[in-house]
Amino acid sequence: MGLIDTTTALMAAAAFVAGMIDSIAGGGGLIQLPALFAGLPNLAPATVLGTNKFASLMGTLSSLARYSRAVVLPWRLLMPLATLAFGASFLGSFTMTLVSPNIFRPMVPVILLVLLVYISLRKDLGRQHAPRTLSTPAVATGLMLVMLIGFYDGFFGPGAGSFLMILFIRYYGFDFLNAAASARLVNAATNAASLCWFGTHSEVVWALGGTLAVANVAGSQLGARLALRRGSGFVRHIFMAIVSALILKTGWDAWLRLHQG
């Protein structure tokens, strides 16, 4: 019993840190999901993923509520994006039952590295909040990009929150703080869609998920509070650190699978 309690406590600690990181810059799955796989070696991967999505959704909604009290969210822009992301994520979770997510593994660190280099070279990117008025073709492109990220989050997931932030910064002209807040809403939709799929297929350990959700919510509240207090520059630095860690983690995982295969 002591071992079970210790394991649960360690997973909850990981969920707390994941919630804090995810609310600032995305990438919380880098910590929470590996902790669940390590702590639940006898559960089916789909059940681990479903339990992870439940905890992540609660944390994301919590940080969204915190941001919405201090940041003016562009609901008219975000609600269509969130709706499309929900549908795409649900489709991604379904597709995961048919096709192995391993096809994404080699691509993720490369894409993240390109984004990191781009952000590093563009020192002014995301410092000023200047939302753009997009043309009709540009609006359509933005919707398509959100759907792609939503599908990816439902199908595989690592870095989806960070990809959403980059989309809001580079494409829509948001600063890092507003991008973090807006990404929480779309990310909540993608998490909810995945949870709908896993939950209806009995792939969630609800009791454990509830414990992890409490920890994730606590971390999310702390992260959102730090982001709001410290501002866009702080979020930028955390974002770059998390993306760097994601590159190392996803690159190492892809390398191991390539050589083990």
C-alpha atoms as a PDB file:
ATOM      1  CA  MET A   1       0.000   0.000   0.000  1.00  0.00           C
ATOM      2  CA  GLY A   2       2.878   2.313   0.790  1.00  0.00           C
ATOM      3  CA  LEU A   3       4.365   1.682  -2.649  1.00  0.00           C
ATOM      4  CA  ILE A   4       1.080   2.541  -4.334  1.00  0.00           C
ATOM      5  CA  ASP A   5       0.765   5.714  -2.279  1.00  0.00           C
ATOM      6  CA  THR A   6       4.330   6.741  -3.092  1.00  0.00           C
ATOM      7  CA  THR A   7       3.806   6.081  -6.796  1.00  0.00           C
ATOM      8  CA  THR A   8       0.605   8.107  -6.825  1.00  0.00           C
ATOM      9  CA  ALA A   9       2.301  10.945  -4.950  1.00  0.00           C
ATOM     10  CA  LEU A  10       5.141  11.032  -7.486  1.00  0.00           C
ATOM     11  CA  MET A  11       2.701  11.084 -10.391  1.00  0.00           C
ATOM     12  CA  ALA A  12       0.762  13.869  -8.678  1.00  0.00           C
ATOM     13  CA  ALA A  13       3.975  15.866  -8.214  1.00  0.00           C
ATOM     14  CA  ALA A  14       4.694  15.449 -11.930  1.00  0.00           C
ATOM     15  CA  ALA A  15       1.130  16.578 -12.717  1.00  0.00           C
ATOM     16  CA  PHE A  16       1.635  19.710 -10.591  1.00  0.00           C
ATOM     17  CA  VAL A  17       4.830  20.672 -12.420  1.00  0.00           C
ATOM     18  CA  ALA A  18       3.235  19.794 -15.772  1.00  0.00           C
ATOM     19  CA  GLY A  19       0.252  22.024 -15.040  1.00  0.00           C
ATOM     20  CA  MET A  20       2.507  24.935 -14.119  1.00  0.00           C
ATOM     21  CA  ILE A  21       4.593  24.595 -17.277  1.00  0.00           C
ATOM     22  CA  ASP A  22       1.647  23.951 -19.558  1.00  0.00           C
ATOM     23  CA  SER A  23      -0.219  27.051 -18.421  1.00  0.00           C
ATOM     24  CA  ILE A  24       2.777  29.242 -19.273  1.00  0.00           C
ATOM     25  CA  ALA A  25       4.222  27.773 -22.450  1.00  0.00           C
ATOM     26  CA  GLY A  26       2.614  24.444 -23.303  1.00  0.00           C
ATOM     27  CA  GLY A  27       4.612  21.222 -23.204  1.00  0.00           C
ATOM     28  CA  GLY A  28       3.364  19.942 -19.852  1.00  0.00           C
ATOM     29  CA  GLY A  29       2.885  16.516 -21.410  1.00  0.00           C
ATOM     30  CA  LEU A  30       6.666  16.308 -21.553  1.00  0.00           C
ATOM     31  CA  ILE A  31       6.568  15.695 -17.790  1.00  0.00           C
ATOM     32  CA  GLN A  32       3.153  14.296 -16.963  1.00  0.00           C
ATOM     33  CA  LEU A  33       2.786  11.594 -19.609  1.00  0.00           C
ATOM     34  CA  PRO A  34       6.184   9.905 -19.079  1.00  0.00           C
ATOM     35  CA  ALA A  35       5.507   9.956 -15.326  1.00  0.00           C
ATOM     36  CA  LEU A  36       2.207   8.138 -15.872  1.00  0.00           C
ATOM     37  CA  PHE A  37       3.765   5.542 -18.161  1.00  0.00           C
ATOM     38  CA  ALA A  38       6.489   4.937 -15.572  1.00  0.00           C
ATOM     39  CA  GLY A  39       4.043   4.752 -12.667  1.00  0.00           C
ATOM     40  CA  LEU A  40       1.427   2.629 -14.468  1.00  0.00           C
ATOM     41  CA  PRO A  41       3.477   0.023 -16.366  1.00  0.00           C
ATOM     42  CA  ASN A  42       0.673  -2.564 -16.333  1.00  0.00           C
ATOM     43  CA  LEU A  43      -2.018  -0.351 -17.851  1.00  0.00           C
ATOM     44  CA  ALA A  44      -2.762  -0.312 -21.558  1.00  0.00           C
ATOM     45  CA  PRO A  45      -1.222   2.741 -23.287  1.00  0.00           C
ATOM     46  CA  ALA A  46      -4.679   3.971 -24.336  1.00  0.00           C
ATOM     47  CA  THR A  47      -5.810   3.957 -20.691  1.00  0.00           C
ATOM     48  CA  VAL A  48      -2.731   5.915 -19.631  1.00  0.00           C
ATOM     49  CA  LEU A  49      -3.369   8.443 -22.407  1.00  0.00           C
ATOM     50  CA  GLY A  50      -7.030   8.798 -21.453  1.00  0.00           C
ATOM     51  CA  THR A  51      -6.221   9.324 -17.771  1.00  0.00           C
ATOM     52  CA  ASN A  52      -3.585  11.875 -18.756  1.00  0.00           C
ATOM     53  CA  LYS A  53      -6.086  13.773 -20.922  1.00  0.00           C
ATOM     54  CA  PHE A  54      -8.564  14.055 -18.055  1.00  0.00           C
ATOM     55  CA  ALA A  55      -5.996  15.590 -15.707  1.00  0.00           C
ATOM     56  CA  SER A  56      -4.675  17.870 -18.454  1.00  0.00           C
ATOM     57  CA  LEU A  57      -8.156  19.078 -19.375  1.00  0.00           C
ATOM     58  CA  MET A  58      -8.931  20.091 -15.792  1.00  0.00           C
ATOM     59  CA  GLY A  59      -5.644  21.973 -15.516  1.00  0.00           C
ATOM     60  CA  THR A  60      -6.136  23.694 -18.866  1.00  0.00           C
ATOM     61  CA  LEU A  61      -9.647  24.841 -17.954  1.00  0.00           C
ATOM     62  CA  SER A  62      -8.347  26.119 -14.629  1.00  0.00           C
ATOM     63  CA  SER A  63      -5.585  28.206 -16.206  1.00  0.00           C
ATOM     64  CA  LEU A  64      -8.024  29.453 -18.858  1.00  0.00           C
ATOM     65  CA  ALA A  65     -10.339  30.707 -16.112  1.00  0.00           C
ATOM     66  CA  ARG A  66      -7.411  32.460 -14.455  1.00  0.00           C
ATOM     67  CA  TYR A  67      -6.267  34.106 -17.695  1.00  0.00           C
ATOM     68  CA  SER A  68      -9.787  35.166 -18.668  1.00  0.00           C
ATOM     69  CA  ARG A  69     -10.050  37.315 -15.543  1.00  0.00           C
ATOM     70  CA  ALA A  70      -6.996  39.347 -16.516  1.00  0.00           C
ATOM     71  CA  VAL A  71      -6.689  39.079 -20.312  1.00  0.00           C
ATOM     72  CA  VAL A  72      -9.327  40.119 -22.836  1.00  0.00           C
ATOM     73  CA  LEU A  73      -9.774  36.978 -24.925  1.00  0.00           C
ATOM     74  CA  PRO A  74     -10.941  37.404 -28.547  1.00  0.00           C
ATOM     75  CA  TRP A  75     -13.890  35.027 -28.238  1.00  0.00           C
ATOM     76  CA  ARG A  76     -15.187  35.660 -31.770  1.00  0.00           C
ATOM     77  CA  LEU A  77     -11.881  34.429 -33.139  1.00  0.00           C
ATOM     78  CA  LEU A  78     -11.263  31.668 -30.617  1.00  0.00           C
ATOM     79  CA  MET A  79     -14.627  29.885 -30.539  1.00  0.00           C
ATOM     80  CA  PRO A  80     -14.594  28.825 -34.230  1.00  0.00           C
ATOM     81  CA  LEU A  81     -10.960  27.775 -33.844  1.00  0.00           C
ATOM     82  CA  ALA A  82     -11.751  25.771 -30.712  1.00  0.00           C
ATOM     83  CA  THR A  83     -14.740  24.113 -32.394  1.00  0.00           C
ATOM     84  CA  LEU A  84     -12.696  22.991 -35.381  1.00  0.00           C
ATOM     85  CA  ALA A  85      -9.829  21.888 -33.137  1.00  0.00           C
ATOM     86  CA  PHE A  86     -12.280  19.782 -31.105  1.00  0.00           C
ATOM     87  CA  GLY A  87     -13.491  17.917 -34.192  1.00  0.00           C
ATOM     88  CA  ALA A  88      -9.976  17.447 -35.535  1.00  0.00           C
ATOM     89  CA  SER A  89      -8.691  16.171 -32.192  1.00  0.00           C
ATOM     90  CA  PHE A  90     -11.537  13.660 -31.903  1.00  0.00           C
ATOM     91  CA  LEU A  91     -10.678  12.405 -35.383  1.00  0.00           C
ATOM     92  CA  GLY A  92      -7.017  12.216 -34.371  1.00  0.00           C
ATOM     93  CA  SER A  93      -7.805  10.101 -31.304  1.00  0.00           C
ATOM     94  CA  PHE A  94      -9.894   7.771 -33.441  1.00  0.00           C
ATOM     95  CA  THR A  95      -7.128   7.527 -36.046  1.00  0.00           C
ATOM     96  CA  MET A  96      -4.667   6.580 -33.315  1.00  0.00           C
ATOM     97  CA  THR A  97      -6.541   3.289 -32.928  1.00  0.00           C
ATOM     98  CA  LEU A  98      -5.876   2.512 -36.595  1.00  0.00           C
ATOM     99  CA  VAL A  99      -2.383   3.921 -37.221  1.00  0.00           C
ATOM    100  CA  SER A 100       0.658   3.992 -34.938  1.00  0.00           C
ATOM    101  CA  PRO A 101       1.569   7.487 -33.661  1.00  0.00           C
ATOM    102  CA  ASN A 102       5.221   6.557 -34.218  1.00  0.00           C
ATOM    103  CA  ILE A 103       5.058   8.089 -37.695  1.00  0.00           C
ATOM    104  CA  PHE A 104       5.100  11.524 -36.037  1.00  0.00           C
ATOM    105  CA  ARG A 105       8.070  10.918 -33.737  1.00  0.00           C
ATOM    106  CA  PRO A 106      10.951  11.745 -36.141  1.00  0.00           C
ATOM    107  CA  MET A 107       9.222  14.916 -37.380  1.00  0.00           C
ATOM    108  CA  VAL A 108       8.431  16.582 -34.042  1.00  0.00           C
ATOM    109  CA  PRO A 109      11.979  17.495 -32.877  1.00  0.00           C
ATOM    110  CA  VAL A 110      12.836  18.814 -36.346  1.00  0.00           C
ATOM    111  CA  ILE A 111       9.761  21.067 -36.470  1.00  0.00           C
ATOM    112  CA  LEU A 112      10.385  22.294 -32.930  1.00  0.00           C
ATOM    113  CA  LEU A 113      14.036  23.027 -33.711  1.00  0.00           C
ATOM    114  CA  VAL A 114      13.055  25.122 -36.729  1.00  0.00           C
ATOM    115  CA  LEU A 115      10.591  27.064 -34.571  1.00  0.00           C
ATOM    116  CA  LEU A 116      13.168  27.601 -31.820  1.00  0.00           C
ATOM    117  CA  VAL A 117      15.762  28.936 -34.271  1.00  0.00           C
ATOM    118  CA  TYR A 118      13.157  31.205 -35.846  1.00  0.00           C
ATOM    119  CA  ILE A 119      12.097  32.640 -32.476  1.00  0.00           C
ATOM    120  CA  SER A 120      15.720  33.097 -31.412  1.00  0.00           C
ATOM    121  CA  LEU A 121      16.492  35.090 -34.563  1.00  0.00           C
ATOM    122  CA  ARG A 122      13.346  37.215 -34.311  1.00  0.00           C
ATOM    123  CA  LYS A 123      13.983  38.975 -31.014  1.00  0.00           C
ATOM    124  CA  ASP A 124      10.908  41.180 -31.406  1.00  0.00           C
ATOM    125  CA  LEU A 125       8.517  38.316 -32.132  1.00  0.00           C
ATOM    126  CA  GLY A 126       5.715  38.125 -29.591  1.00  0.00           C
ATOM    127  CA  ARG A 127       6.793  41.200 -27.619  1.00  0.00           C
ATOM    128  CA  GLN A 128       3.973  43.467 -28.818  1.00  0.00           C
ATOM    129  CA  HIS A 129       0.316  42.545 -28.872  1.00  0.00           C
ATOM    130  CA  ALA A 130      -0.945  43.731 -32.267  1.00  0.00           C
ATOM    131  CA  PRO A 131      -3.729  41.436 -33.535  1.00  0.00           C
ATOM    132  CA  ARG A 132      -3.993  41.392 -37.313  1.00  0.00           C
ATOM    133  CA  THR A 133      -7.060  41.699 -39.517  1.00  0.00           C
ATOM    134  CA  LEU A 134      -6.736  38.752 -41.880  1.00  0.00           C
ATOM    135  CA  SER A 135      -7.999  38.428 -45.420  1.00  0.00           C
ATOM    136  CA  THR A 136     -10.462  35.657 -46.266  1.00  0.00           C
ATOM    137  CA  PRO A 137      -7.748  33.320 -47.658  1.00  0.00           C
ATOM    138  CA  ALA A 138      -5.612  33.978 -44.570  1.00  0.00           C
ATOM    139  CA  VAL A 139      -8.560  33.185 -42.296  1.00  0.00           C
ATOM    140  CA  ALA A 140      -9.037  29.882 -44.126  1.00  0.00           C
ATOM    141  CA  THR A 141      -5.342  29.088 -43.741  1.00  0.00           C
ATOM    142  CA  GLY A 142      -5.496  29.817 -40.008  1.00  0.00           C
ATOM    143  CA  LEU A 143      -8.460  27.476 -39.613  1.00  0.00           C
ATOM    144  CA  MET A 144      -6.610  24.757 -41.487  1.00  0.00           C
ATOM    145  CA  LEU A 145      -3.511  25.137 -39.307  1.00  0.00           C
ATOM    146  CA  VAL A 146      -5.597  24.919 -36.137  1.00  0.00           C
ATOM    147  CA  MET A 147      -7.258  21.764 -37.443  1.00  0.00           C
ATOM    148  CA  LEU A 148      -3.866  20.217 -38.186  1.00  0.00           C
ATOM    149  CA  ILE A 149      -2.634  20.994 -34.664  1.00  0.00           C
ATOM    150  CA  GLY A 150      -5.898  19.676 -33.219  1.00  0.00           C
ATOM    151  CA  PHE A 151      -5.576  16.421 -35.155  1.00  0.00           C
ATOM    152  CA  TYR A 152      -1.964  16.101 -34.047  1.00  0.00           C
ATOM    153  CA  ASP A 153      -2.921  16.652 -30.393  1.00  0.00           C
ATOM    154  CA  GLY A 154      -5.579  13.943 -30.524  1.00  0.00           C
ATOM    155  CA  PHE A 155      -3.304  11.557 -32.402  1.00  0.00           C
ATOM    156  CA  PHE A 156       0.035  12.072 -30.651  1.00  0.00           C
ATOM    157  CA  GLY A 157       0.268  15.322 -28.699  1.00  0.00           C
ATOM    158  CA  PRO A 158       3.730  16.412 -27.471  1.00  0.00           C
ATOM    159  CA  GLY A 159       4.214  20.131 -28.061  1.00  0.00           C
ATOM    160  CA  ALA A 160       0.667  20.853 -29.285  1.00  0.00           C
ATOM    161  CA  GLY A 161       0.227  23.723 -26.812  1.00  0.00           C
ATOM    162  CA  SER A 162       3.523  25.229 -27.951  1.00  0.00           C
ATOM    163  CA  PHE A 163       2.497  24.910 -31.606  1.00  0.00           C
ATOM    164  CA  LEU A 164      -0.735  26.756 -30.824  1.00  0.00           C
ATOM    165  CA  MET A 165       1.166  29.567 -29.131  1.00  0.00           C
ATOM    166  CA  ILE A 166       3.461  29.981 -32.138  1.00  0.00           C
ATOM    167  CA  LEU A 167       0.417  30.090 -34.415  1.00  0.00           C
ATOM    168  CA  PHE A 168      -1.180  32.879 -32.379  1.00  0.00           C
ATOM    169  CA  ILE A 169       2.093  34.830 -32.209  1.00  0.00           C
ATOM    170  CA  ARG A 170       3.325  34.469 -35.779  1.00  0.00           C
ATOM    171  CA  TYR A 171       0.035  34.312 -37.651  1.00  0.00           C
ATOM    172  CA  TYR A 172      -2.399  36.349 -35.580  1.00  0.00           C
ATOM    173  CA  GLY A 173       0.030  38.946 -34.154  1.00  0.00           C
ATOM    174  CA  PHE A 174      -0.411  38.146 -30.444  1.00  0.00           C
ATOM    175  CA  ASP A 175       2.250  38.672 -27.810  1.00  0.00           C
ATOM    176  CA  PHE A 176       3.422  35.702 -25.737  1.00  0.00           C
ATOM    177  CA  LEU A 177       1.071  36.376 -22.839  1.00  0.00           C
ATOM    178  CA  ASN A 178      -2.066  36.681 -24.968  1.00  0.00           C
ATOM    179  CA  ALA A 179      -0.951  33.714 -27.047  1.00  0.00           C
ATOM    180  CA  ALA A 180      -0.600  31.627 -23.869  1.00  0.00           C
ATOM    181  CA  ALA A 181      -4.114  32.598 -22.767  1.00  0.00           C
ATOM    182  CA  SER A 182      -5.689  31.961 -26.172  1.00  0.00           C
ATOM    183  CA  ALA A 183      -3.872  28.666 -26.630  1.00  0.00           C
ATOM    184  CA  ARG A 184      -5.414  27.443 -23.352  1.00  0.00           C
ATOM    185  CA  LEU A 185      -8.916  27.678 -24.834  1.00  0.00           C
ATOM    186  CA  VAL A 186      -8.073  25.790 -28.020  1.00  0.00           C
ATOM    187  CA  ASN A 187      -5.998  23.272 -26.062  1.00  0.00           C
ATOM    188  CA  ALA A 188      -8.944  22.706 -23.719  1.00  0.00           C
ATOM    189  CA  ALA A 189     -11.051  21.837 -26.765  1.00  0.00           C
ATOM    190  CA  THR A 190      -8.496  19.336 -28.078  1.00  0.00           C
ATOM    191  CA  ASN A 191      -8.121  17.731 -24.650  1.00  0.00           C
ATOM    192  CA  ALA A 192     -11.894  17.508 -24.250  1.00  0.00           C
ATOM    193  CA  ALA A 193     -12.261  15.827 -27.635  1.00  0.00           C
ATOM    194  CA  SER A 194      -9.621  13.208 -26.800  1.00  0.00           C
ATOM    195  CA  LEU A 195     -11.241  12.641 -23.420  1.00  0.00           C
ATOM    196  CA  CYS A 196     -14.606  12.090 -25.142  1.00  0.00           C
ATOM    197  CA  TRP A 197     -13.047   9.365 -27.260  1.00  0.00           C
ATOM    198  CA  PHE A 198     -11.094   7.656 -24.479  1.00  0.00           C
ATOM    199  CA  GLY A 199     -13.874   8.088 -21.910  1.00  0.00           C
ATOM    200  CA  THR A 200     -16.557   6.504 -24.078  1.00  0.00           C
ATOM    201  CA  HIS A 201     -14.247   3.553 -24.706  1.00  0.00           C
ATOM    202  CA  SER A 202     -13.545   2.947 -20.986  1.00  0.00           C
ATOM    203  CA  GLU A 203      -9.946   4.092 -21.329  1.00  0.00           C
ATOM    204  CA  VAL A 204      -9.791   6.376 -18.257  1.00  0.00           C
ATOM    205  CA  VAL A 205      -8.965   5.537 -14.633  1.00  0.00           C
ATOM    206  CA  TRP A 206     -11.265   8.197 -13.212  1.00  0.00           C
ATOM    207  CA  ALA A 207     -10.224   7.971  -9.564  1.00  0.00           C
ATOM    208  CA  LEU A 208      -6.540   8.347 -10.327  1.00  0.00           C
ATOM    209  CA  GLY A 209      -7.335  10.955 -12.955  1.00  0.00           C
ATOM    210  CA  GLY A 210      -9.172  12.977 -10.316  1.00  0.00           C
ATOM    211  CA  THR A 211      -6.135  12.954  -8.016  1.00  0.00           C
ATOM    212  CA  LEU A 212      -3.848  14.009 -10.854  1.00  0.00           C
ATOM    213  CA  ALA A 213      -6.353  16.667 -11.930  1.00  0.00           C
ATOM    214  CA  VAL A 214      -6.245  18.319  -8.509  1.00  0.00           C
ATOM    215  CA  ALA A 215      -2.448  18.492  -8.725  1.00  0.00           C
ATOM    216  CA  ASN A 216      -2.533  19.717 -12.323  1.00  0.00           C
ATOM    217  CA  VAL A 217      -5.055  22.434 -11.451  1.00  0.00           C
ATOM    218  CA  ALA A 218      -2.886  23.653  -8.575  1.00  0.00           C
ATOM    219  CA  GLY A 219       0.138  23.840 -10.860  1.00  0.00           C
ATOM    220  CA  SER A 220      -1.869  25.542 -13.603  1.00  0.00           C
ATOM    221  CA  GLN A 221      -3.057  28.223 -11.209  1.00  0.00           C
ATOM    222  CA  LEU A 222       0.499  28.928 -10.089  1.00  0.00           C
ATOM    223  CA  GLY A 223       1.806  29.025 -13.663  1.00  0.00           C
ATOM    224  CA  ALA A 224      -0.927  31.359 -14.897  1.00  0.00           C
ATOM    225  CA  ARG A 225      -0.379  33.643 -11.892  1.00  0.00           C
ATOM    226  CA  LEU A 226       3.359  33.813 -12.642  1.00  0.00           C
ATOM    227  CA  ALA A 227       2.741  34.532 -16.326  1.00  0.00           C
ATOM    228  CA  LEU A 228       0.284  37.318 -15.581  1.00  0.00           C
ATOM    229  CA  ARG A 229       2.550  38.847 -12.945  1.00  0.00           C
ATOM    230  CA  ARG A 230       5.793  38.645 -14.919  1.00  0.00           C
ATOM    231  CA  GLY A 231       4.439  39.450 -18.379  1.00  0.00           C
ATOM    232  CA  SER A 232       5.179  38.500 -21.975  1.00  0.00           C
ATOM    233  CA  GLY A 233       8.983  38.574 -21.683  1.00  0.00           C
ATOM    234  CA  PHE A 234       8.892  35.973 -18.915  1.00  0.00           C
ATOM    235  CA  VAL A 235       6.554  33.767 -20.953  1.00  0.00           C
ATOM    236  CA  ARG A 236       8.915  34.025 -23.937  1.00  0.00           C
ATOM    237  CA  HIS A 237      11.895  32.798 -21.897  1.00  0.00           C
ATOM    238  CA  ILE A 238       9.935  29.907 -20.381  1.00  0.00           C
ATOM    239  CA  PHE A 239       8.548  29.046 -23.795  1.00  0.00           C
ATOM    240  CA  MET A 240      12.026  28.795 -25.324  1.00  0.00           C
ATOM    241  CA  ALA A 241      13.254  26.664 -22.416  1.00  0.00           C
ATOM    242  CA  ILE A 242      10.293  24.274 -22.742  1.00  0.00           C
ATOM    243  CA  VAL A 243      10.655  23.995 -26.513  1.00  0.00           C
ATOM    244  CA  SER A 244      14.356  23.223 -26.051  1.00  0.00           C
ATOM    245  CA  ALA A 245      13.467  20.475 -23.577  1.00  0.00           C
ATOM    246  CA  LEU A 246      10.833  19.136 -25.966  1.00  0.00           C
ATOM    247  CA  ILE A 247      13.414  18.959 -28.752  1.00  0.00           C
ATOM    248  CA  LEU A 248      15.774  16.933 -26.571  1.00  0.00           C
ATOM    249  CA  LYS A 249      13.046  14.633 -25.260  1.00  0.00           C
ATOM    250  CA  THR A 250      11.268  13.921 -28.547  1.00  0.00           C
ATOM    251  CA  GLY A 251      14.585  13.635 -30.403  1.00  0.00           C
ATOM    252  CA  TRP A 252      15.925  11.130 -27.863  1.00  0.00           C
ATOM    253  CA  ASP A 253      12.697   9.099 -28.005  1.00  0.00           C
ATOM    254  CA  ALA A 254      12.796   9.010 -31.809  1.00  0.00           C
ATOM    255  CA  TRP A 255      16.467   7.968 -31.784  1.00  0.00           C
ATOM    256  CA  LEU A 256      15.815   5.147 -29.318  1.00  0.00           C
ATOM    257  CA  ARG A 257      12.884   3.791 -31.288  1.00  0.00           C
ATOM    258  CA  LEU A 258      14.858   3.962 -34.538  1.00  0.00           C
ATOM    259  CA  HIS A 259      17.755   1.949 -33.100  1.00  0.00           C
ATOM    260  CA  GLN A 260      15.551  -0.478 -31.196  1.00  0.00           C
ATOM    261  CA  GLY A 261      13.542  -1.133 -34.323  1.00  0.00           C
END
